[in-house]
Full PDB file with SEQRES, HELIX, SHEET, SSBOND, CRYST1, ORIGX, SCALE, CONECT and MASTER records, all heavy atoms in Angstrom:
SEQRES   1 A   35  PRO ALA PRO ASP SER LYS GLN ASP ARG ARG PRO PRO TYR          
SEQRES   2 A   35  GLN HIS ALA ALA ASP GLU LEU ARG ARG ASP ILE LEU GLN          
SEQRES   3 A   35  GLY ARG ILE LYS PRO GLY GLU GLN MET                          
HELIX    1 AA1 PRO A   12  LEU A   25  1                                  14    
CRYST1    1.000    1.000    1.000  90.00  90.00  90.00 P 1           1          
ORIGX1      1.000000  0.000000  0.000000        0.00000                         
ORIGX2      0.000000  1.000000  0.000000        0.00000                         
ORIGX3      0.000000  0.000000  1.000000        0.00000                         
SCALE1      1.000000  0.000000  0.000000        0.00000                         
SCALE2      0.000000  1.000000  0.000000        0.00000                         
SCALE3      0.000000  0.000000  1.000000        0.00000                         
ATOM      1  N   PRO A   1      -3.570  -7.952  11.128  1.00  0.00           N  
ATOM      2  CA  PRO A   1      -2.532  -8.487  10.243  1.00  0.00           C  
ATOM      3  C   PRO A   1      -2.766  -8.045   8.813  1.00  0.00           C  
ATOM      4  O   PRO A   1      -3.881  -7.753   8.402  1.00  0.00           O  
ATOM      5  CB  PRO A   1      -2.704 -10.007  10.389  1.00  0.00           C  
ATOM      6  CG  PRO A   1      -4.129 -10.192  10.813  1.00  0.00           C  
ATOM      7  CD  PRO A   1      -4.492  -8.967  11.611  1.00  0.00           C  
ATOM      8  N   ALA A   2      -1.692  -7.994   8.065  1.00  0.00           N  
ATOM      9  CA  ALA A   2      -1.786  -7.657   6.650  1.00  0.00           C  
ATOM     10  C   ALA A   2      -2.502  -8.775   5.916  1.00  0.00           C  
ATOM     11  O   ALA A   2      -2.424  -9.936   6.310  1.00  0.00           O  
ATOM     12  CB  ALA A   2      -0.390  -7.447   6.071  1.00  0.00           C  
ATOM     13  N   PRO A   3      -3.234  -8.447   4.863  1.00  0.00           N  
ATOM     14  CA  PRO A   3      -3.939  -9.473   4.106  1.00  0.00           C  
ATOM     15  C   PRO A   3      -2.981 -10.542   3.602  1.00  0.00           C  
ATOM     16  O   PRO A   3      -1.861 -10.251   3.208  1.00  0.00           O  
ATOM     17  CB  PRO A   3      -4.563  -8.707   2.933  1.00  0.00           C  
ATOM     18  CG  PRO A   3      -4.598  -7.293   3.377  1.00  0.00           C  
ATOM     19  CD  PRO A   3      -3.457  -7.120   4.325  1.00  0.00           C  
ATOM     20  N   ASP A   4      -3.447 -11.802   3.637  1.00  0.00           N  
ATOM     21  CA  ASP A   4      -2.613 -12.917   3.217  1.00  0.00           C  
ATOM     22  C   ASP A   4      -2.630 -13.143   1.712  1.00  0.00           C  
ATOM     23  O   ASP A   4      -1.912 -13.998   1.214  1.00  0.00           O  
ATOM     24  CB  ASP A   4      -3.082 -14.202   3.909  1.00  0.00           C  
ATOM     25  CG  ASP A   4      -2.834 -14.141   5.414  1.00  0.00           C  
ATOM     26  OD1 ASP A   4      -1.875 -13.458   5.816  1.00  0.00           O  
ATOM     27  OD2 ASP A   4      -3.591 -14.777   6.156  1.00  0.00           O  
ATOM     28  N   SER A   5      -3.449 -12.404   1.009  1.00  0.00           N  
ATOM     29  CA  SER A   5      -3.594 -12.613  -0.421  1.00  0.00           C  
ATOM     30  C   SER A   5      -2.258 -12.437  -1.144  1.00  0.00           C  
ATOM     31  O   SER A   5      -1.615 -11.417  -1.048  1.00  0.00           O  
ATOM     32  CB  SER A   5      -4.616 -11.632  -0.997  1.00  0.00           C  
ATOM     33  OG  SER A   5      -4.649 -11.744  -2.391  1.00  0.00           O  
ATOM     34  N   LYS A   6      -1.857 -13.466  -1.877  1.00  0.00           N  
ATOM     35  CA  LYS A   6      -0.606 -13.407  -2.638  1.00  0.00           C  
ATOM     36  C   LYS A   6      -0.758 -12.514  -3.863  1.00  0.00           C  
ATOM     37  O   LYS A   6       0.210 -12.001  -4.368  1.00  0.00           O  
ATOM     38  CB  LYS A   6      -0.190 -14.816  -3.077  1.00  0.00           C  
ATOM     39  CG  LYS A   6       0.034 -15.759  -1.926  1.00  0.00           C  
ATOM     40  CD  LYS A   6       1.467 -15.787  -1.550  1.00  0.00           C  
ATOM     41  CE  LYS A   6       1.686 -16.869  -0.532  1.00  0.00           C  
ATOM     42  NZ  LYS A   6       2.446 -16.486   0.579  1.00  0.00           N  
ATOM     43  N   GLN A   7      -1.998 -12.330  -4.344  1.00  0.00           N  
ATOM     44  CA  GLN A   7      -2.224 -11.538  -5.540  1.00  0.00           C  
ATOM     45  C   GLN A   7      -2.149 -10.040  -5.256  1.00  0.00           C  
ATOM     46  O   GLN A   7      -1.872  -9.263  -6.148  1.00  0.00           O  
ATOM     47  CB  GLN A   7      -3.582 -11.875  -6.146  1.00  0.00           C  
ATOM     48  CG  GLN A   7      -3.648 -13.311  -6.627  1.00  0.00           C  
ATOM     49  CD  GLN A   7      -5.037 -13.672  -7.111  1.00  0.00           C  
ATOM     50  OE1 GLN A   7      -5.940 -12.861  -7.088  1.00  0.00           O  
ATOM     51  NE2 GLN A   7      -5.207 -14.906  -7.546  1.00  0.00           N  
ATOM     52  N   ASP A   8      -2.399  -9.638  -4.035  1.00  0.00           N  
ATOM     53  CA  ASP A   8      -2.373  -8.224  -3.685  1.00  0.00           C  
ATOM     54  C   ASP A   8      -0.953  -7.853  -3.283  1.00  0.00           C  
ATOM     55  O   ASP A   8      -0.513  -8.123  -2.181  1.00  0.00           O  
ATOM     56  CB  ASP A   8      -3.341  -7.939  -2.540  1.00  0.00           C  
ATOM     57  CG  ASP A   8      -3.532  -6.447  -2.316  1.00  0.00           C  
ATOM     58  OD1 ASP A   8      -2.866  -5.650  -3.009  1.00  0.00           O  
ATOM     59  OD2 ASP A   8      -4.345  -6.100  -1.457  1.00  0.00           O  
ATOM     60  N   ARG A   9      -0.244  -7.228  -4.201  1.00  0.00           N  
ATOM     61  CA  ARG A   9       1.162  -6.897  -3.972  1.00  0.00           C  
ATOM     62  C   ARG A   9       1.366  -5.429  -3.633  1.00  0.00           C  
ATOM     63  O   ARG A   9       2.470  -4.925  -3.776  1.00  0.00           O  
ATOM     64  CB  ARG A   9       1.984  -7.270  -5.210  1.00  0.00           C  
ATOM     65  CG  ARG A   9       1.948  -8.738  -5.506  1.00  0.00           C  
ATOM     66  CD  ARG A   9       2.836  -9.051  -6.682  1.00  0.00           C  
ATOM     67  NE  ARG A   9       2.773 -10.443  -7.033  1.00  0.00           N  
ATOM     68  CZ  ARG A   9       3.592 -11.371  -6.544  1.00  0.00           C  
ATOM     69  NH1 ARG A   9       4.512 -11.056  -5.693  1.00  0.00           N  
ATOM     70  NH2 ARG A   9       3.463 -12.625  -6.932  1.00  0.00           N  
ATOM     71  N   ARG A  10       0.290  -4.782  -3.183  1.00  0.00           N  
ATOM     72  CA  ARG A  10       0.427  -3.384  -2.807  1.00  0.00           C  
ATOM     73  C   ARG A  10       1.323  -3.267  -1.583  1.00  0.00           C  
ATOM     74  O   ARG A  10       1.395  -4.172  -0.764  1.00  0.00           O  
ATOM     75  CB  ARG A  10      -0.939  -2.780  -2.513  1.00  0.00           C  
ATOM     76  CG  ARG A  10      -1.821  -2.698  -3.744  1.00  0.00           C  
ATOM     77  CD  ARG A  10      -3.186  -2.167  -3.426  1.00  0.00           C  
ATOM     78  NE  ARG A  10      -3.797  -2.980  -2.370  1.00  0.00           N  
ATOM     79  CZ  ARG A  10      -4.536  -2.480  -1.399  1.00  0.00           C  
ATOM     80  NH1 ARG A  10      -4.811  -1.215  -1.340  1.00  0.00           N  
ATOM     81  NH2 ARG A  10      -5.046  -3.266  -0.478  1.00  0.00           N  
ATOM     82  N   PRO A  11       2.001  -2.136  -1.451  1.00  0.00           N  
ATOM     83  CA  PRO A  11       2.873  -1.953  -0.294  1.00  0.00           C  
ATOM     84  C   PRO A  11       2.075  -1.880   1.010  1.00  0.00           C  
ATOM     85  O   PRO A  11       0.887  -1.535   1.003  1.00  0.00           O  
ATOM     86  CB  PRO A  11       3.582  -0.628  -0.576  1.00  0.00           C  
ATOM     87  CG  PRO A  11       2.897  -0.013  -1.734  1.00  0.00           C  
ATOM     88  CD  PRO A  11       2.056  -1.038  -2.397  1.00  0.00           C  
ATOM     89  N   PRO A  12       2.730  -2.194   2.130  1.00  0.00           N  
ATOM     90  CA  PRO A  12       2.032  -2.206   3.424  1.00  0.00           C  
ATOM     91  C   PRO A  12       1.373  -0.874   3.781  1.00  0.00           C  
ATOM     92  O   PRO A  12       0.316  -0.855   4.414  1.00  0.00           O  
ATOM     93  CB  PRO A  12       3.135  -2.545   4.438  1.00  0.00           C  
ATOM     94  CG  PRO A  12       4.180  -3.243   3.628  1.00  0.00           C  
ATOM     95  CD  PRO A  12       4.105  -2.668   2.248  1.00  0.00           C  
ATOM     96  N   TYR A  13       1.965   0.246   3.366  1.00  0.00           N  
ATOM     97  CA  TYR A  13       1.352   1.536   3.720  1.00  0.00           C  
ATOM     98  C   TYR A  13      -0.012   1.686   3.063  1.00  0.00           C  
ATOM     99  O   TYR A  13      -0.903   2.326   3.625  1.00  0.00           O  
ATOM    100  CB  TYR A  13       2.272   2.716   3.367  1.00  0.00           C  
ATOM    101  CG  TYR A  13       2.326   3.088   1.909  1.00  0.00           C  
ATOM    102  CD1 TYR A  13       1.456   4.030   1.383  1.00  0.00           C  
ATOM    103  CD2 TYR A  13       3.264   2.509   1.057  1.00  0.00           C  
ATOM    104  CE1 TYR A  13       1.508   4.382   0.051  1.00  0.00           C  
ATOM    105  CE2 TYR A  13       3.320   2.865  -0.276  1.00  0.00           C  
ATOM    106  CZ  TYR A  13       2.445   3.794  -0.771  1.00  0.00           C  
ATOM    107  OH  TYR A  13       2.490   4.134  -2.092  1.00  0.00           O  
ATOM    108  N   GLN A  14      -0.203   1.087   1.873  1.00  0.00           N  
ATOM    109  CA  GLN A  14      -1.517   1.150   1.217  1.00  0.00           C  
ATOM    110  C   GLN A  14      -2.552   0.349   2.003  1.00  0.00           C  
ATOM    111  O   GLN A  14      -3.692   0.766   2.137  1.00  0.00           O  
ATOM    112  CB  GLN A  14      -1.430   0.616  -0.216  1.00  0.00           C  
ATOM    113  CG  GLN A  14      -0.808   1.567  -1.184  1.00  0.00           C  
ATOM    114  CD  GLN A  14      -1.709   2.753  -1.503  1.00  0.00           C  
ATOM    115  OE1 GLN A  14      -2.880   2.803  -1.143  1.00  0.00           O  
ATOM    116  NE2 GLN A  14      -1.150   3.721  -2.178  1.00  0.00           N  
ATOM    117  N   HIS A  15      -2.137  -0.817   2.532  1.00  0.00           N  
ATOM    118  CA  HIS A  15      -3.061  -1.614   3.340  1.00  0.00           C  
ATOM    119  C   HIS A  15      -3.465  -0.845   4.599  1.00  0.00           C  
ATOM    120  O   HIS A  15      -4.645  -0.812   4.958  1.00  0.00           O  
ATOM    121  CB  HIS A  15      -2.415  -2.951   3.740  1.00  0.00           C  
ATOM    122  CG  HIS A  15      -2.196  -3.869   2.592  1.00  0.00           C  
ATOM    123  ND1 HIS A  15      -3.221  -4.512   1.948  1.00  0.00           N  
ATOM    124  CD2 HIS A  15      -1.059  -4.249   1.956  1.00  0.00           C  
ATOM    125  CE1 HIS A  15      -2.741  -5.255   0.960  1.00  0.00           C  
ATOM    126  NE2 HIS A  15      -1.420  -5.102   0.950  1.00  0.00           N  
ATOM    127  N   ALA A  16      -2.479  -0.217   5.251  1.00  0.00           N  
ATOM    128  CA  ALA A  16      -2.776   0.562   6.452  1.00  0.00           C  
ATOM    129  C   ALA A  16      -3.690   1.736   6.109  1.00  0.00           C  
ATOM    130  O   ALA A  16      -4.661   2.008   6.825  1.00  0.00           O  
ATOM    131  CB  ALA A  16      -1.475   1.059   7.090  1.00  0.00           C  
ATOM    132  N   ALA A  17      -3.389   2.435   5.014  1.00  0.00           N  
ATOM    133  CA  ALA A  17      -4.217   3.570   4.596  1.00  0.00           C  
ATOM    134  C   ALA A  17      -5.641   3.114   4.302  1.00  0.00           C  
ATOM    135  O   ALA A  17      -6.610   3.797   4.665  1.00  0.00           O  
ATOM    136  CB  ALA A  17      -3.609   4.257   3.377  1.00  0.00           C  
ATOM    137  N   ASP A  18      -5.788   1.954   3.664  1.00  0.00           N  
ATOM    138  CA  ASP A  18      -7.123   1.439   3.352  1.00  0.00           C  
ATOM    139  C   ASP A  18      -7.925   1.186   4.627  1.00  0.00           C  
ATOM    140  O   ASP A  18      -9.103   1.529   4.709  1.00  0.00           O  
ATOM    141  CB  ASP A  18      -7.029   0.136   2.547  1.00  0.00           C  
ATOM    142  CG  ASP A  18      -6.571   0.352   1.130  1.00  0.00           C  
ATOM    143  OD1 ASP A  18      -6.567   1.510   0.659  1.00  0.00           O  
ATOM    144  OD2 ASP A  18      -6.182  -0.648   0.475  1.00  0.00           O  
ATOM    145  N   GLU A  19      -7.281   0.586   5.624  1.00  0.00           N  
ATOM    146  CA  GLU A  19      -8.001   0.287   6.862  1.00  0.00           C  
ATOM    147  C   GLU A  19      -8.354   1.571   7.617  1.00  0.00           C  
ATOM    148  O   GLU A  19      -9.461   1.710   8.141  1.00  0.00           O  
ATOM    149  CB  GLU A  19      -7.172  -0.637   7.750  1.00  0.00           C  
ATOM    150  CG  GLU A  19      -7.994  -1.178   8.889  1.00  0.00           C  
ATOM    151  CD  GLU A  19      -7.366  -2.393   9.534  1.00  0.00           C  
ATOM    152  OE1 GLU A  19      -6.736  -3.197   8.839  1.00  0.00           O  
ATOM    153  OE2 GLU A  19      -7.526  -2.510  10.762  1.00  0.00           O  
ATOM    154  N   LEU A  20      -7.429   2.527   7.644  1.00  0.00           N  
ATOM    155  CA  LEU A  20      -7.718   3.808   8.295  1.00  0.00           C  
ATOM    156  C   LEU A  20      -8.820   4.561   7.555  1.00  0.00           C  
ATOM    157  O   LEU A  20      -9.704   5.162   8.182  1.00  0.00           O  
ATOM    158  CB  LEU A  20      -6.456   4.661   8.380  1.00  0.00           C  
ATOM    159  CG  LEU A  20      -5.378   4.145   9.331  1.00  0.00           C  
ATOM    160  CD1 LEU A  20      -4.085   4.908   9.135  1.00  0.00           C  
ATOM    161  CD2 LEU A  20      -5.864   4.218  10.774  1.00  0.00           C  
ATOM    162  N   ARG A  21      -8.782   4.533   6.225  1.00  0.00           N  
ATOM    163  CA  ARG A  21      -9.823   5.176   5.422  1.00  0.00           C  
ATOM    164  C   ARG A  21     -11.174   4.557   5.740  1.00  0.00           C  
ATOM    165  O   ARG A  21     -12.179   5.243   5.917  1.00  0.00           O  
ATOM    166  CB  ARG A  21      -9.502   5.017   3.929  1.00  0.00           C  
ATOM    167  CG  ARG A  21     -10.488   5.725   3.013  1.00  0.00           C  
ATOM    168  CD  ARG A  21     -10.194   5.481   1.526  1.00  0.00           C  
ATOM    169  NE  ARG A  21      -8.839   5.830   1.150  1.00  0.00           N  
ATOM    170  CZ  ARG A  21      -7.866   4.940   0.883  1.00  0.00           C  
ATOM    171  NH1 ARG A  21      -8.113   3.637   0.972  1.00  0.00           N  
ATOM    172  NH2 ARG A  21      -6.659   5.335   0.527  1.00  0.00           N  
ATOM    173  N   ARG A  22     -11.200   3.232   5.840  1.00  0.00           N  
ATOM    174  CA  ARG A  22     -12.434   2.521   6.168  1.00  0.00           C  
ATOM    175  C   ARG A  22     -12.948   2.965   7.547  1.00  0.00           C  
ATOM    176  O   ARG A  22     -14.150   3.215   7.720  1.00  0.00           O  
ATOM    177  CB  ARG A  22     -12.167   1.012   6.153  1.00  0.00           C  
ATOM    178  CG  ARG A  22     -13.395   0.177   6.005  1.00  0.00           C  
ATOM    179  CD  ARG A  22     -13.086  -1.310   5.789  1.00  0.00           C  
ATOM    180  NE  ARG A  22     -12.189  -1.517   4.656  1.00  0.00           N  
ATOM    181  CZ  ARG A  22     -10.964  -2.058   4.740  1.00  0.00           C  
ATOM    182  NH1 ARG A  22     -10.484  -2.461   5.885  1.00  0.00           N  
ATOM    183  NH2 ARG A  22     -10.220  -2.208   3.671  1.00  0.00           N  
ATOM    184  N   ASP A  23     -12.031   3.100   8.520  1.00  0.00           N  
ATOM    185  CA  ASP A  23     -12.434   3.560   9.861  1.00  0.00           C  
ATOM    186  C   ASP A  23     -13.064   4.950   9.798  1.00  0.00           C  
ATOM    187  O   ASP A  23     -14.057   5.221  10.473  1.00  0.00           O  
ATOM    188  CB  ASP A  23     -11.228   3.598  10.799  1.00  0.00           C  
ATOM    189  CG  ASP A  23     -10.740   2.214  11.210  1.00  0.00           C  
ATOM    190  OD1 ASP A  23     -11.457   1.221  10.939  1.00  0.00           O  
ATOM    191  OD2 ASP A  23      -9.644   2.128  11.789  1.00  0.00           O  
ATOM    192  N   ILE A  24     -12.484   5.831   8.993  1.00  0.00           N  
ATOM    193  CA  ILE A  24     -13.013   7.193   8.864  1.00  0.00           C  
ATOM    194  C   ILE A  24     -14.375   7.176   8.176  1.00  0.00           C  
ATOM    195  O   ILE A  24     -15.334   7.787   8.646  1.00  0.00           O  
ATOM    196  CB  ILE A  24     -12.020   8.088   8.095  1.00  0.00           C  
ATOM    197  CG1 ILE A  24     -10.749   8.309   8.930  1.00  0.00           C  
ATOM    198  CG2 ILE A  24     -12.673   9.426   7.733  1.00  0.00           C  
ATOM    199  CD1 ILE A  24      -9.607   8.934   8.153  1.00  0.00           C  
ATOM    200  N   LEU A  25     -14.459   6.475   7.055  1.00  0.00           N  
ATOM    201  CA  LEU A  25     -15.703   6.472   6.279  1.00  0.00           C  
ATOM    202  C   LEU A  25     -16.842   5.785   7.009  1.00  0.00           C  
ATOM    203  O   LEU A  25     -18.007   6.129   6.807  1.00  0.00           O  
ATOM    204  CB  LEU A  25     -15.467   5.829   4.912  1.00  0.00           C  
ATOM    205  CG  LEU A  25     -14.504   6.580   3.989  1.00  0.00           C  
ATOM    206  CD1 LEU A  25     -14.296   5.814   2.688  1.00  0.00           C  
ATOM    207  CD2 LEU A  25     -15.000   7.977   3.706  1.00  0.00           C  
ATOM    208  N   GLN A  26     -16.515   4.812   7.864  1.00  0.00           N  
ATOM    209  CA  GLN A  26     -17.554   4.127   8.621  1.00  0.00           C  
ATOM    210  C   GLN A  26     -17.858   4.811   9.950  1.00  0.00           C  
ATOM    211  O   GLN A  26     -18.684   4.344  10.719  1.00  0.00           O  
ATOM    212  CB  GLN A  26     -17.163   2.662   8.841  1.00  0.00           C  
ATOM    213  CG  GLN A  26     -17.162   1.873   7.548  1.00  0.00           C  
ATOM    214  CD  GLN A  26     -16.709   0.438   7.742  1.00  0.00           C  
ATOM    215  OE1 GLN A  26     -16.280   0.036   8.811  1.00  0.00           O  
ATOM    216  NE2 GLN A  26     -16.808  -0.343   6.678  1.00  0.00           N  
ATOM    217  N   GLY A  27     -17.177   5.926  10.217  1.00  0.00           N  
ATOM    218  CA  GLY A  27     -17.487   6.714  11.397  1.00  0.00           C  
ATOM    219  C   GLY A  27     -16.835   6.249  12.684  1.00  0.00           C  
ATOM    220  O   GLY A  27     -17.161   6.745  13.759  1.00  0.00           O  
ATOM    221  N   ARG A  28     -15.914   5.298  12.606  1.00  0.00           N  
ATOM    222  CA  ARG A  28     -15.216   4.869  13.822  1.00  0.00           C  
ATOM    223  C   ARG A  28     -14.250   5.952  14.315  1.00  0.00           C  
ATOM    224  O   ARG A  28     -13.957   6.035  15.497  1.00  0.00           O  
ATOM    225  CB  ARG A  28     -14.488   3.548  13.581  1.00  0.00           C  
ATOM    226  CG  ARG A  28     -15.453   2.368  13.474  1.00  0.00           C  
ATOM    227  CD  ARG A  28     -14.718   1.057  13.482  1.00  0.00           C  
ATOM    228  NE  ARG A  28     -14.047   0.826  12.207  1.00  0.00           N  
ATOM    229  CZ  ARG A  28     -14.513   0.069  11.239  1.00  0.00           C  
ATOM    230  NH1 ARG A  28     -15.670  -0.540  11.380  1.00  0.00           N  
ATOM    231  NH2 ARG A  28     -13.835  -0.088  10.123  1.00  0.00           N  
ATOM    232  N   ILE A  29     -13.737   6.758  13.365  1.00  0.00           N  
ATOM    233  CA  ILE A  29     -12.958   7.945  13.713  1.00  0.00           C  
ATOM    234  C   ILE A  29     -13.737   9.108  13.098  1.00  0.00           C  
ATOM    235  O   ILE A  29     -13.879   9.187  11.887  1.00  0.00           O  
ATOM    236  CB  ILE A  29     -11.523   7.892  13.154  1.00  0.00           C  
ATOM    237  CG1 ILE A  29     -10.823   6.592  13.549  1.00  0.00           C  
ATOM    238  CG2 ILE A  29     -10.722   9.086  13.662  1.00  0.00           C  
ATOM    239  CD1 ILE A  29      -9.464   6.413  12.911  1.00  0.00           C  
ATOM    240  N   LYS A  30     -14.238   9.979  13.934  1.00  0.00           N  
ATOM    241  CA  LYS A  30     -15.139  11.048  13.476  1.00  0.00           C  
ATOM    242  C   LYS A  30     -14.382  12.322  13.102  1.00  0.00           C  
ATOM    243  O   LYS A  30     -13.258  12.532  13.544  1.00  0.00           O  
ATOM    244  CB  LYS A  30     -16.147  11.339  14.574  1.00  0.00           C  
ATOM    245  CG  LYS A  30     -16.995  10.114  14.912  1.00  0.00           C  
ATOM    246  CD  LYS A  30     -18.135  10.463  15.798  1.00  0.00           C  
ATOM    247  CE  LYS A  30     -18.992   9.298  16.181  1.00  0.00           C  
ATOM    248  NZ  LYS A  30     -18.912   8.088  15.488  1.00  0.00           N  
ATOM    249  N   PRO A  31     -15.001  13.179  12.268  1.00  0.00           N  
ATOM    250  CA  PRO A  31     -14.374  14.458  11.907  1.00  0.00           C  
ATOM    251  C   PRO A  31     -13.982  15.250  13.152  1.00  0.00           C  
ATOM    252  O   PRO A  31     -14.751  15.341  14.110  1.00  0.00           O  
ATOM    253  CB  PRO A  31     -15.456  15.178  11.107  1.00  0.00           C  
ATOM    254  CG  PRO A  31     -16.263  14.071  10.515  1.00  0.00           C  
ATOM    255  CD  PRO A  31     -16.270  12.992  11.559  1.00  0.00           C  
ATOM    256  N   GLY A  32     -12.766  15.780  13.133  1.00  0.00           N  
ATOM    257  CA  GLY A  32     -12.252  16.542  14.254  1.00  0.00           C  
ATOM    258  C   GLY A  32     -11.481  15.704  15.254  1.00  0.00           C  
ATOM    259  O   GLY A  32     -10.697  16.232  16.040  1.00  0.00           O  
ATOM    260  N   GLU A  33     -11.701  14.388  15.250  1.00  0.00           N  
ATOM    261  CA  GLU A  33     -10.983  13.515  16.176  1.00  0.00           C  
ATOM    262  C   GLU A  33      -9.542  13.332  15.722  1.00  0.00           C  
ATOM    263  O   GLU A  33      -9.246  13.329  14.528  1.00  0.00           O  
ATOM    264  CB  GLU A  33     -11.643  12.131  16.269  1.00  0.00           C  
ATOM    265  CG  GLU A  33     -12.893  12.107  17.088  1.00  0.00           C  
ATOM    266  CD  GLU A  33     -13.423  10.691  17.274  1.00  0.00           C  
ATOM    267  OE1 GLU A  33     -12.640   9.718  17.148  1.00  0.00           O  
ATOM    268  OE2 GLU A  33     -14.621  10.562  17.505  1.00  0.00           O  
ATOM    269  N   GLN A  34      -8.676  13.137  16.693  1.00  0.00           N  
ATOM    270  CA  GLN A  34      -7.272  12.927  16.390  1.00  0.00           C  
ATOM    271  C   GLN A  34      -7.054  11.494  15.919  1.00  0.00           C  
ATOM    272  O   GLN A  34      -7.622  10.548  16.457  1.00  0.00           O  
ATOM    273  CB  GLN A  34      -6.413  13.211  17.612  1.00  0.00           C  
ATOM    274  CG  GLN A  34      -4.943  13.183  17.311  1.00  0.00           C  
ATOM    275  CD  GLN A  34      -4.107  13.771  18.430  1.00  0.00           C  
ATOM    276  OE1 GLN A  34      -4.618  14.069  19.502  1.00  0.00           O  
ATOM    277  NE2 GLN A  34      -2.832  13.941  18.176  1.00  0.00           N  
ATOM    278  N   MET A  35      -6.222  11.371  14.903  1.00  0.00           N  
ATOM    279  CA  MET A  35      -5.844  10.052  14.397  1.00  0.00           C  
ATOM    280  C   MET A  35      -4.890   9.401  15.399  1.00  0.00           C  
ATOM    281  O   MET A  35      -4.244  10.097  16.185  1.00  0.00           O  
ATOM    282  CB  MET A  35      -5.138  10.183  13.042  1.00  0.00           C  
ATOM    283  CG  MET A  35      -6.016  10.713  11.924  1.00  0.00           C  
ATOM    284  SD  MET A  35      -7.317   9.565  11.460  1.00  0.00           S  
ATOM    285  CE  MET A  35      -6.370   8.240  10.733  1.00  0.00           C  
TER     286      MET A  35                                                      
MASTER        0    0    0    1    0    0    0    6  285    1    0    3          
END                                                                             
């Protein structure tokens, strides 16, 4: 789910990008793997 924080008014695509970026940086999706 999207963060419930009322103060974070970033668009939903930024939240999705942040979570995907986190997956990449933490190695859950490895280099060369398909998104």
